[in-house]
Amino acid sequence: MNEITLSNDLNVITAEINSYKQVAGQAIFEIGKRLKHVKENDLVHGEFGNWLNSIEMDWNTANRFIKVSSELNSDTYHNLGSNALYLIATIPEQEREQQHEIPSTGETKDVDEMTVRELREVKAKLKQAEQQTEQAKKSEQIMQKQLEESESKEPETVEVIKEVVPANLKKEFEDTNRDLKFARKEIERLTKNQEYVELEKNDFDEGKADKQKKKLYWESEKNVLEMKVHVDTFLKNTAVTAFRKGAIASADNATKRKLKDSVEDLKGFTKQMEIVLSGRIEIK
């Protein structure tokens, strides 16, 4: 058998390689088209696997060729190898027409210009972005469902929330409820006492001055208890549950910054309260 003599002209060799690449790439499309035709029309009467064995082709290769012929245009991708073609075929259609940044190099290319390794990197990056989008959608759907349930069936919503609240937080809720009930009763009592010692305008004597002092005392007690009710109610309604952690984690950066501003305001409020609570003001 006579061996073919190869040219020493690099331009000729380059042209020959590109020509064979086109033939090989086109062959993948043509083979895939015929495999799909046999399978869809059951030309082998349920013996597709055995028929593949007869032409020395495995299931994995056959499925790859079918995928390529079904998803891609042979005129655009005819000069690529089977691995590259399959990777491109498994990239979402809208992403195939765009340029992508290759994570390892930072270089931007069209998909038909990438190596197999670069295609795998880009595909993994797209997959990760898709998963993050799906997770964000799921979190949004859960939040929307919780909101709808809270608006229409408030008692049932409370039971759902209890299921995801840890045992230690449930106990805190119970303690907070008791404190709130006690504080509200105290506020009612102080309000009645306050009304009892109300002074008439321009009517002053020592006895009434004493009542005025008591009135101011009860007013301060009432205000402090009312503040406690507000703080306890806030803590009860905004407990950091697993669901809320997930919702915060999936929110975009702009939304997180808004929440962070509120948290900073809350820190300022807490600091001021600690300063006030560390001292004592006596009414004389």
C-alpha atoms as a PDB file:
ATOM      1  CA  MET A   1       0.000   0.000   0.000  1.00  0.00           C
ATOM      2  CA  ASN A   2       1.460   3.306  -1.073  1.00  0.00           C
ATOM      3  CA  GLU A   3       1.799   5.875   1.688  1.00  0.00           C
ATOM      4  CA  ILE A   4       0.530   9.334   0.838  1.00  0.00           C
ATOM      5  CA  THR A   5       3.281  11.932   0.733  1.00  0.00           C
ATOM      6  CA  LEU A   6       2.422  14.965   2.859  1.00  0.00           C
ATOM      7  CA  SER A   7       3.232  18.506   1.800  1.00  0.00           C
ATOM      8  CA  ASN A   8       5.880  20.558   3.597  1.00  0.00           C
ATOM      9  CA  ASP A   9       3.917  23.738   2.920  1.00  0.00           C
ATOM     10  CA  LEU A  10       2.251  24.793   6.183  1.00  0.00           C
ATOM     11  CA  ASN A  11      -0.521  26.638   4.351  1.00  0.00           C
ATOM     12  CA  VAL A  12      -1.409  23.481   2.434  1.00  0.00           C
ATOM     13  CA  ILE A  13      -1.429  21.376   5.616  1.00  0.00           C
ATOM     14  CA  THR A  14      -3.624  23.956   7.372  1.00  0.00           C
ATOM     15  CA  ALA A  15      -6.108  23.926   4.505  1.00  0.00           C
ATOM     16  CA  GLU A  16      -6.147  20.106   4.487  1.00  0.00           C
ATOM     17  CA  ILE A  17      -6.800  19.917   8.244  1.00  0.00           C
ATOM     18  CA  ASN A  18      -9.642  22.427   8.025  1.00  0.00           C
ATOM     19  CA  SER A  19     -11.117  20.460   5.134  1.00  0.00           C
ATOM     20  CA  TYR A  20     -11.054  17.180   7.097  1.00  0.00           C
ATOM     21  CA  LYS A  21     -12.487  18.950  10.155  1.00  0.00           C
ATOM     22  CA  GLN A  22     -15.428  20.093   8.058  1.00  0.00           C
ATOM     23  CA  VAL A  23     -15.975  16.599   6.724  1.00  0.00           C
ATOM     24  CA  ALA A  24     -15.814  15.106  10.267  1.00  0.00           C
ATOM     25  CA  GLY A  25     -18.127  17.743  11.701  1.00  0.00           C
ATOM     26  CA  GLN A  26     -20.646  17.363   8.890  1.00  0.00           C
ATOM     27  CA  ALA A  27     -20.535  13.580   9.353  1.00  0.00           C
ATOM     28  CA  ILE A  28     -21.678  13.939  12.990  1.00  0.00           C
ATOM     29  CA  PHE A  29     -24.762  15.870  11.886  1.00  0.00           C
ATOM     30  CA  GLU A  30     -25.575  13.401   9.133  1.00  0.00           C
ATOM     31  CA  ILE A  31     -25.095  10.358  11.395  1.00  0.00           C
ATOM     32  CA  GLY A  32     -27.192  11.949  14.164  1.00  0.00           C
ATOM     33  CA  LYS A  33     -29.965  12.786  11.692  1.00  0.00           C
ATOM     34  CA  ARG A  34     -30.122   9.155  10.543  1.00  0.00           C
ATOM     35  CA  LEU A  35     -29.956   7.723  14.072  1.00  0.00           C
ATOM     36  CA  LYS A  36     -32.877   9.941  15.073  1.00  0.00           C
ATOM     37  CA  HIS A  37     -34.859   8.848  12.000  1.00  0.00           C
ATOM     38  CA  VAL A  38     -34.350   5.146  12.809  1.00  0.00           C
ATOM     39  CA  LYS A  39     -35.275   5.627  16.463  1.00  0.00           C
ATOM     40  CA  GLU A  40     -38.358   7.823  15.939  1.00  0.00           C
ATOM     41  CA  ASN A  41     -39.797   5.593  13.224  1.00  0.00           C
ATOM     42  CA  ASP A  42     -38.881   2.334  14.994  1.00  0.00           C
ATOM     43  CA  LEU A  43     -37.255   0.948  11.865  1.00  0.00           C
ATOM     44  CA  VAL A  44     -35.576  -1.788  13.933  1.00  0.00           C
ATOM     45  CA  HIS A  45     -38.793  -2.877  15.695  1.00  0.00           C
ATOM     46  CA  GLY A  46     -37.766  -2.156  19.272  1.00  0.00           C
ATOM     47  CA  GLU A  47     -34.221  -3.456  18.776  1.00  0.00           C
ATOM     48  CA  PHE A  48     -32.479  -0.057  18.619  1.00  0.00           C
ATOM     49  CA  GLY A  49     -29.797  -1.091  21.142  1.00  0.00           C
ATOM     50  CA  ASN A  50     -28.972  -4.284  19.265  1.00  0.00           C
ATOM     51  CA  TRP A  51     -28.855  -2.383  16.000  1.00  0.00           C
ATOM     52  CA  LEU A  52     -26.374   0.092  17.511  1.00  0.00           C
ATOM     53  CA  ASN A  53     -24.181  -2.857  18.502  1.00  0.00           C
ATOM     54  CA  SER A  54     -24.305  -4.104  14.917  1.00  0.00           C
ATOM     55  CA  ILE A  55     -22.840  -0.813  13.668  1.00  0.00           C
ATOM     56  CA  GLU A  56     -20.372  -0.716  16.585  1.00  0.00           C
ATOM     57  CA  MET A  57     -21.836   2.336  18.282  1.00  0.00           C
ATOM     58  CA  ASP A  58     -22.772   2.705  21.964  1.00  0.00           C
ATOM     59  CA  TRP A  59     -25.880   4.400  23.387  1.00  0.00           C
ATOM     60  CA  ASN A  60     -23.936   7.369  24.769  1.00  0.00           C
ATOM     61  CA  THR A  61     -22.374   8.239  21.408  1.00  0.00           C
ATOM     62  CA  ALA A  62     -25.679   7.758  19.592  1.00  0.00           C
ATOM     63  CA  ASN A  63     -27.514  10.071  22.000  1.00  0.00           C
ATOM     64  CA  ARG A  64     -24.797  12.694  21.636  1.00  0.00           C
ATOM     65  CA  PHE A  65     -25.023  12.625  17.830  1.00  0.00           C
ATOM     66  CA  ILE A  66     -28.835  12.830  17.975  1.00  0.00           C
ATOM     67  CA  LYS A  67     -28.639  15.777  20.395  1.00  0.00           C
ATOM     68  CA  VAL A  68     -26.186  17.627  18.133  1.00  0.00           C
ATOM     69  CA  SER A  69     -28.239  17.081  14.959  1.00  0.00           C
ATOM     70  CA  SER A  70     -31.444  18.146  16.738  1.00  0.00           C
ATOM     71  CA  GLU A  71     -30.132  21.279  18.462  1.00  0.00           C
ATOM     72  CA  LEU A  72     -27.486  22.785  16.184  1.00  0.00           C
ATOM     73  CA  ASN A  73     -27.223  24.160  12.669  1.00  0.00           C
ATOM     74  CA  SER A  74     -24.691  22.177  10.651  1.00  0.00           C
ATOM     75  CA  ASP A  75     -23.820  25.245   8.546  1.00  0.00           C
ATOM     76  CA  THR A  76     -22.599  27.100  11.659  1.00  0.00           C
ATOM     77  CA  TYR A  77     -20.846  24.352  13.636  1.00  0.00           C
ATOM     78  CA  HIS A  78     -19.716  21.896  10.937  1.00  0.00           C
ATOM     79  CA  ASN A  79     -16.000  22.354  11.669  1.00  0.00           C
ATOM     80  CA  LEU A  80     -16.092  21.306  15.354  1.00  0.00           C
ATOM     81  CA  GLY A  81     -15.408  17.928  16.983  1.00  0.00           C
ATOM     82  CA  SER A  82     -18.043  15.740  18.594  1.00  0.00           C
ATOM     83  CA  ASN A  83     -17.218  16.740  22.213  1.00  0.00           C
ATOM     84  CA  ALA A  84     -17.397  20.459  21.443  1.00  0.00           C
ATOM     85  CA  LEU A  85     -20.587  20.013  19.437  1.00  0.00           C
ATOM     86  CA  TYR A  86     -22.286  18.096  22.242  1.00  0.00           C
ATOM     87  CA  LEU A  87     -21.300  20.699  24.868  1.00  0.00           C
ATOM     88  CA  ILE A  88     -22.667  23.500  22.686  1.00  0.00           C
ATOM     89  CA  ALA A  89     -25.867  21.513  22.061  1.00  0.00           C
ATOM     90  CA  THR A  90     -26.443  21.232  25.827  1.00  0.00           C
ATOM     91  CA  ILE A  91     -26.031  25.005  26.377  1.00  0.00           C
ATOM     92  CA  PRO A  92     -29.387  26.893  26.356  1.00  0.00           C
ATOM     93  CA  GLU A  93     -30.201  28.136  22.859  1.00  0.00           C
ATOM     94  CA  GLN A  94     -30.304  31.827  23.808  1.00  0.00           C
ATOM     95  CA  GLU A  95     -26.823  31.537  25.329  1.00  0.00           C
ATOM     96  CA  ARG A  96     -25.260  30.038  22.184  1.00  0.00           C
ATOM     97  CA  GLU A  97     -25.652  33.314  20.297  1.00  0.00           C
ATOM     98  CA  GLN A  98     -23.868  35.351  22.966  1.00  0.00           C
ATOM     99  CA  GLN A  99     -20.232  35.851  23.843  1.00  0.00           C
ATOM    100  CA  HIS A 100     -19.160  34.528  27.233  1.00  0.00           C
ATOM    101  CA  GLU A 101     -16.280  35.270  29.583  1.00  0.00           C
ATOM    102  CA  ILE A 102     -14.119  32.233  30.276  1.00  0.00           C
ATOM    103  CA  PRO A 103     -13.678  32.032  34.096  1.00  0.00           C
ATOM    104  CA  SER A 104     -10.079  30.767  34.060  1.00  0.00           C
ATOM    105  CA  THR A 105      -8.714  33.364  31.616  1.00  0.00           C
ATOM    106  CA  GLY A 106     -11.181  36.272  31.650  1.00  0.00           C
ATOM    107  CA  GLU A 107     -11.170  36.162  27.838  1.00  0.00           C
ATOM    108  CA  THR A 108     -14.460  36.662  25.976  1.00  0.00           C
ATOM    109  CA  LYS A 109     -15.315  34.361  23.054  1.00  0.00           C
ATOM    110  CA  ASP A 110     -18.165  33.009  20.949  1.00  0.00           C
ATOM    111  CA  VAL A 111     -19.018  29.394  21.780  1.00  0.00           C
ATOM    112  CA  ASP A 112     -17.786  28.097  18.411  1.00  0.00           C
ATOM    113  CA  GLU A 113     -14.362  29.655  19.139  1.00  0.00           C
ATOM    114  CA  MET A 114     -13.882  27.878  22.478  1.00  0.00           C
ATOM    115  CA  THR A 115     -11.951  24.752  23.277  1.00  0.00           C
ATOM    116  CA  VAL A 116     -13.674  21.812  24.963  1.00  0.00           C
ATOM    117  CA  ARG A 117     -12.173  22.858  28.337  1.00  0.00           C
ATOM    118  CA  GLU A 118     -13.394  26.440  27.896  1.00  0.00           C
ATOM    119  CA  LEU A 119     -16.873  25.227  26.924  1.00  0.00           C
ATOM    120  CA  ARG A 120     -17.027  23.116  30.078  1.00  0.00           C
ATOM    121  CA  GLU A 121     -16.065  26.123  32.215  1.00  0.00           C
ATOM    122  CA  VAL A 122     -18.702  28.338  30.621  1.00  0.00           C
ATOM    123  CA  LYS A 123     -21.355  25.620  30.859  1.00  0.00           C
ATOM    124  CA  ALA A 124     -20.607  25.145  34.594  1.00  0.00           C
ATOM    125  CA  LYS A 125     -20.849  28.909  35.135  1.00  0.00           C
ATOM    126  CA  LEU A 126     -24.204  29.062  33.328  1.00  0.00           C
ATOM    127  CA  LYS A 127     -25.463  26.103  35.354  1.00  0.00           C
ATOM    128  CA  GLN A 128     -24.520  27.815  38.615  1.00  0.00           C
ATOM    129  CA  ALA A 129     -26.285  31.023  37.548  1.00  0.00           C
ATOM    130  CA  GLU A 130     -29.375  29.005  36.584  1.00  0.00           C
ATOM    131  CA  GLN A 131     -29.431  27.277  39.985  1.00  0.00           C
ATOM    132  CA  GLN A 132     -29.133  30.616  41.804  1.00  0.00           C
ATOM    133  CA  THR A 133     -31.998  32.023  39.722  1.00  0.00           C
ATOM    134  CA  GLU A 134     -34.147  28.977  40.461  1.00  0.00           C
ATOM    135  CA  GLN A 135     -33.398  29.246  44.196  1.00  0.00           C
ATOM    136  CA  ALA A 136     -34.324  32.939  44.166  1.00  0.00           C
ATOM    137  CA  LYS A 137     -37.589  32.125  42.369  1.00  0.00           C
ATOM    138  CA  LYS A 138     -38.430  29.391  44.882  1.00  0.00           C
ATOM    139  CA  SER A 139     -37.743  31.740  47.803  1.00  0.00           C
ATOM    140  CA  GLU A 140     -39.906  34.420  46.187  1.00  0.00           C
ATOM    141  CA  GLN A 141     -42.727  31.914  45.628  1.00  0.00           C
ATOM    142  CA  ILE A 142     -42.523  30.753  49.251  1.00  0.00           C
ATOM    143  CA  MET A 143     -42.604  34.345  50.499  1.00  0.00           C
ATOM    144  CA  GLN A 144     -45.572  35.144  48.234  1.00  0.00           C
ATOM    145  CA  LYS A 145     -47.431  32.065  49.446  1.00  0.00           C
ATOM    146  CA  GLN A 146     -46.738  32.944  53.094  1.00  0.00           C
ATOM    147  CA  LEU A 147     -47.941  36.500  52.458  1.00  0.00           C
ATOM    148  CA  GLU A 148     -51.154  35.327  50.805  1.00  0.00           C
ATOM    149  CA  GLU A 149     -51.853  32.877  53.624  1.00  0.00           C
ATOM    150  CA  SER A 150     -51.187  35.518  56.274  1.00  0.00           C
ATOM    151  CA  GLU A 151     -53.676  37.865  54.601  1.00  0.00           C
ATOM    152  CA  SER A 152     -56.440  35.290  54.148  1.00  0.00           C
ATOM    153  CA  LYS A 153     -55.916  32.737  56.953  1.00  0.00           C
ATOM    154  CA  GLU A 154     -54.027  34.377  59.791  1.00  0.00           C
ATOM    155  CA  PRO A 155     -54.587  31.599  62.411  1.00  0.00           C
ATOM    156  CA  GLU A 156     -53.333  28.894  60.015  1.00  0.00           C
ATOM    157  CA  THR A 157     -50.308  31.015  59.159  1.00  0.00           C
ATOM    158  CA  VAL A 158     -49.370  31.160  62.832  1.00  0.00           C
ATOM    159  CA  GLU A 159     -49.362  27.360  62.975  1.00  0.00           C
ATOM    160  CA  VAL A 160     -47.130  27.160  59.870  1.00  0.00           C
ATOM    161  CA  ILE A 161     -44.663  29.584  61.412  1.00  0.00           C
ATOM    162  CA  LYS A 162     -44.563  27.576  64.631  1.00  0.00           C
ATOM    163  CA  GLU A 163     -43.506  24.505  62.680  1.00  0.00           C
ATOM    164  CA  VAL A 164     -40.337  26.191  61.436  1.00  0.00           C
ATOM    165  CA  VAL A 165     -39.474  28.011  64.675  1.00  0.00           C
ATOM    166  CA  PRO A 166     -36.936  26.195  66.907  1.00  0.00           C
ATOM    167  CA  ALA A 167     -38.011  25.054  70.390  1.00  0.00           C
ATOM    168  CA  ASN A 168     -36.003  27.746  72.186  1.00  0.00           C
ATOM    169  CA  LEU A 169     -37.704  30.482  70.140  1.00  0.00           C
ATOM    170  CA  LYS A 170     -41.137  28.970  70.852  1.00  0.00           C
ATOM    171  CA  LYS A 171     -40.426  29.277  74.581  1.00  0.00           C
ATOM    172  CA  GLU A 172     -39.308  32.888  74.092  1.00  0.00           C
ATOM    173  CA  PHE A 173     -42.576  33.596  72.248  1.00  0.00           C
ATOM    174  CA  GLU A 174     -44.570  32.130  75.142  1.00  0.00           C
ATOM    175  CA  ASP A 175     -42.611  34.163  77.705  1.00  0.00           C
ATOM    176  CA  THR A 176     -43.047  37.275  75.594  1.00  0.00           C
ATOM    177  CA  ASN A 177     -46.800  36.704  75.378  1.00  0.00           C
ATOM    178  CA  ARG A 178     -47.028  36.499  79.186  1.00  0.00           C
ATOM    179  CA  ASP A 179     -44.967  39.672  79.553  1.00  0.00           C
ATOM    180  CA  LEU A 180     -47.139  41.470  77.024  1.00  0.00           C
ATOM    181  CA  LYS A 181     -50.345  40.500  78.851  1.00  0.00           C
ATOM    182  CA  PHE A 182     -48.914  41.659  82.180  1.00  0.00           C
ATOM    183  CA  ALA A 183     -47.639  44.923  80.696  1.00  0.00           C
ATOM    184  CA  ARG A 184     -50.987  45.694  79.094  1.00  0.00           C
ATOM    185  CA  LYS A 185     -52.806  45.100  82.410  1.00  0.00           C
ATOM    186  CA  GLU A 186     -50.341  47.419  84.150  1.00  0.00           C
ATOM    187  CA  ILE A 187     -50.928  50.074  81.491  1.00  0.00           C
ATOM    188  CA  GLU A 188     -54.701  49.830  82.063  1.00  0.00           C
ATOM    189  CA  ARG A 189     -54.217  50.157  85.840  1.00  0.00           C
ATOM    190  CA  LEU A 190     -51.880  53.144  85.496  1.00  0.00           C
ATOM    191  CA  THR A 191     -54.258  54.830  83.047  1.00  0.00           C
ATOM    192  CA  LYS A 192     -57.116  54.539  85.555  1.00  0.00           C
ATOM    193  CA  ASN A 193     -54.896  55.926  88.371  1.00  0.00           C
ATOM    194  CA  GLN A 194     -53.779  58.738  86.088  1.00  0.00           C
ATOM    195  CA  GLU A 195     -57.382  59.697  85.337  1.00  0.00           C
ATOM    196  CA  TYR A 196     -58.174  59.643  89.055  1.00  0.00           C
ATOM    197  CA  VAL A 197     -55.530  62.221  89.924  1.00  0.00           C
ATOM    198  CA  GLU A 198     -56.173  64.574  87.005  1.00  0.00           C
ATOM    199  CA  LEU A 199     -55.984  68.179  88.245  1.00  0.00           C
ATOM    200  CA  GLU A 200     -58.297  70.965  87.287  1.00  0.00           C
ATOM    201  CA  LYS A 201     -56.733  73.978  85.592  1.00  0.00           C
ATOM    202  CA  ASN A 202     -55.434  76.771  87.883  1.00  0.00           C
ATOM    203  CA  ASP A 203     -56.384  74.749  90.982  1.00  0.00           C
ATOM    204  CA  PHE A 204     -53.258  74.077  93.066  1.00  0.00           C
ATOM    205  CA  ASP A 205     -52.578  73.087  96.661  1.00  0.00           C
ATOM    206  CA  GLU A 206     -50.178  70.722  98.424  1.00  0.00           C
ATOM    207  CA  GLY A 207     -52.526  67.767  98.283  1.00  0.00           C
ATOM    208  CA  LYS A 208     -53.093  68.205  94.612  1.00  0.00           C
ATOM    209  CA  ALA A 209     -49.371  68.758  94.019  1.00  0.00           C
ATOM    210  CA  ASP A 210     -48.780  65.364  95.582  1.00  0.00           C
ATOM    211  CA  LYS A 211     -51.373  63.916  93.243  1.00  0.00           C
ATOM    212  CA  GLN A 212     -49.610  65.654  90.347  1.00  0.00           C
ATOM    213  CA  LYS A 213     -46.348  63.970  91.365  1.00  0.00           C
ATOM    214  CA  LYS A 214     -48.095  60.608  91.473  1.00  0.00           C
ATOM    215  CA  LYS A 215     -49.639  61.341  88.082  1.00  0.00           C
ATOM    216  CA  LEU A 216     -46.227  62.045  86.572  1.00  0.00           C
ATOM    217  CA  TYR A 217     -44.870  58.842  88.118  1.00  0.00           C
ATOM    218  CA  TRP A 218     -47.721  56.754  86.742  1.00  0.00           C
ATOM    219  CA  GLU A 219     -47.317  58.424  83.345  1.00  0.00           C
ATOM    220  CA  SER A 220     -43.632  57.481  83.231  1.00  0.00           C
ATOM    221  CA  GLU A 221     -44.411  53.907  84.303  1.00  0.00           C
ATOM    222  CA  LYS A 222     -47.099  53.694  81.655  1.00  0.00           C
ATOM    223  CA  ASN A 223     -44.772  55.028  78.916  1.00  0.00           C
ATOM    224  CA  VAL A 224     -42.013  52.579  79.824  1.00  0.00           C
ATOM    225  CA  LEU A 225     -44.430  49.649  79.818  1.00  0.00           C
ATOM    226  CA  GLU A 226     -45.843  50.768  76.468  1.00  0.00           C
ATOM    227  CA  MET A 227     -42.308  50.845  75.076  1.00  0.00           C
ATOM    228  CA  LYS A 228     -41.741  47.325  76.402  1.00  0.00           C
ATOM    229  CA  VAL A 229     -44.919  46.163  74.650  1.00  0.00           C
ATOM    230  CA  HIS A 230     -43.707  47.670  71.362  1.00  0.00           C
ATOM    231  CA  VAL A 231     -40.228  46.110  71.668  1.00  0.00           C
ATOM    232  CA  ASP A 232     -41.572  42.676  72.647  1.00  0.00           C
ATOM    233  CA  THR A 233     -44.113  42.740  69.842  1.00  0.00           C
ATOM    234  CA  PHE A 234     -41.384  43.665  67.347  1.00  0.00           C
ATOM    235  CA  LEU A 235     -39.126  40.826  68.537  1.00  0.00           C
ATOM    236  CA  LYS A 236     -42.001  38.373  68.383  1.00  0.00           C
ATOM    237  CA  ASN A 237     -43.038  39.350  64.855  1.00  0.00           C
ATOM    238  CA  THR A 238     -39.521  39.529  63.396  1.00  0.00           C
ATOM    239  CA  ALA A 239     -37.818  36.439  64.858  1.00  0.00           C
ATOM    240  CA  VAL A 240     -34.975  35.259  62.603  1.00  0.00           C
ATOM    241  CA  THR A 241     -36.356  31.908  61.457  1.00  0.00           C
ATOM    242  CA  ALA A 242     -34.752  29.558  58.928  1.00  0.00           C
ATOM    243  CA  PHE A 243     -37.246  30.778  56.337  1.00  0.00           C
ATOM    244  CA  ARG A 244     -36.339  34.422  56.901  1.00  0.00           C
ATOM    245  CA  LYS A 245     -32.615  33.594  56.734  1.00  0.00           C
ATOM    246  CA  GLY A 246     -33.192  31.984  53.348  1.00  0.00           C
ATOM    247  CA  ALA A 247     -35.224  34.940  52.139  1.00  0.00           C
ATOM    248  CA  ILE A 248     -32.504  37.415  53.168  1.00  0.00           C
ATOM    249  CA  ALA A 249     -29.752  35.301  51.590  1.00  0.00           C
ATOM    250  CA  SER A 250     -31.576  35.165  48.245  1.00  0.00           C
ATOM    251  CA  ALA A 251     -32.405  38.901  48.142  1.00  0.00           C
ATOM    252  CA  ASP A 252     -30.429  41.177  45.804  1.00  0.00           C
ATOM    253  CA  ASN A 253     -27.714  43.505  47.121  1.00  0.00           C
ATOM    254  CA  ALA A 254     -29.868  46.661  46.893  1.00  0.00           C
ATOM    255  CA  THR A 255     -32.559  45.104  49.099  1.00  0.00           C
ATOM    256  CA  LYS A 256     -29.955  43.833  51.557  1.00  0.00           C
ATOM    257  CA  ARG A 257     -28.489  47.351  51.838  1.00  0.00           C
ATOM    258  CA  LYS A 258     -31.912  48.721  52.782  1.00  0.00           C
ATOM    259  CA  LEU A 259     -32.278  46.099  55.500  1.00  0.00           C
ATOM    260  CA  LYS A 260     -28.721  46.820  56.682  1.00  0.00           C
ATOM    261  CA  ASP A 261     -29.595  50.537  57.073  1.00  0.00           C
ATOM    262  CA  SER A 262     -32.557  49.566  59.247  1.00  0.00           C
ATOM    263  CA  VAL A 263     -30.366  47.246  61.322  1.00  0.00           C
ATOM    264  CA  GLU A 264     -27.918  50.128  61.890  1.00  0.00           C
ATOM    265  CA  ASP A 265     -30.820  52.335  63.049  1.00  0.00           C
ATOM    266  CA  LEU A 266     -31.887  49.524  65.377  1.00  0.00           C
ATOM    267  CA  LYS A 267     -28.354  49.368  66.806  1.00  0.00           C
ATOM    268  CA  GLY A 268     -28.516  53.119  67.492  1.00  0.00           C
ATOM    269  CA  PHE A 269     -31.863  52.719  69.253  1.00  0.00           C
ATOM    270  CA  THR A 270     -30.490  49.837  71.366  1.00  0.00           C
ATOM    271  CA  LYS A 271     -27.426  51.871  72.329  1.00  0.00           C
ATOM    272  CA  GLN A 272     -29.548  54.826  73.449  1.00  0.00           C
ATOM    273  CA  MET A 273     -31.802  52.522  75.466  1.00  0.00           C
ATOM    274  CA  GLU A 274     -28.775  50.986  77.232  1.00  0.00           C
ATOM    275  CA  ILE A 275     -27.538  54.470  78.171  1.00  0.00           C
ATOM    276  CA  VAL A 276     -30.915  55.448  79.598  1.00  0.00           C
ATOM    277  CA  LEU A 277     -31.389  52.152  81.447  1.00  0.00           C
ATOM    278  CA  SER A 278     -27.965  52.415  83.091  1.00  0.00           C
ATOM    279  CA  GLY A 279     -29.089  55.548  85.028  1.00  0.00           C
ATOM    280  CA  ARG A 280     -32.062  56.363  87.251  1.00  0.00           C
ATOM    281  CA  ILE A 281     -34.225  59.492  87.313  1.00  0.00           C
ATOM    282  CA  GLU A 282     -36.151  60.164  90.525  1.00  0.00           C
ATOM    283  CA  ILE A 283     -39.247  62.343  90.616  1.00  0.00           C
ATOM    284  CA  LYS A 284     -39.150  64.601  93.714  1.00  0.00           C
END
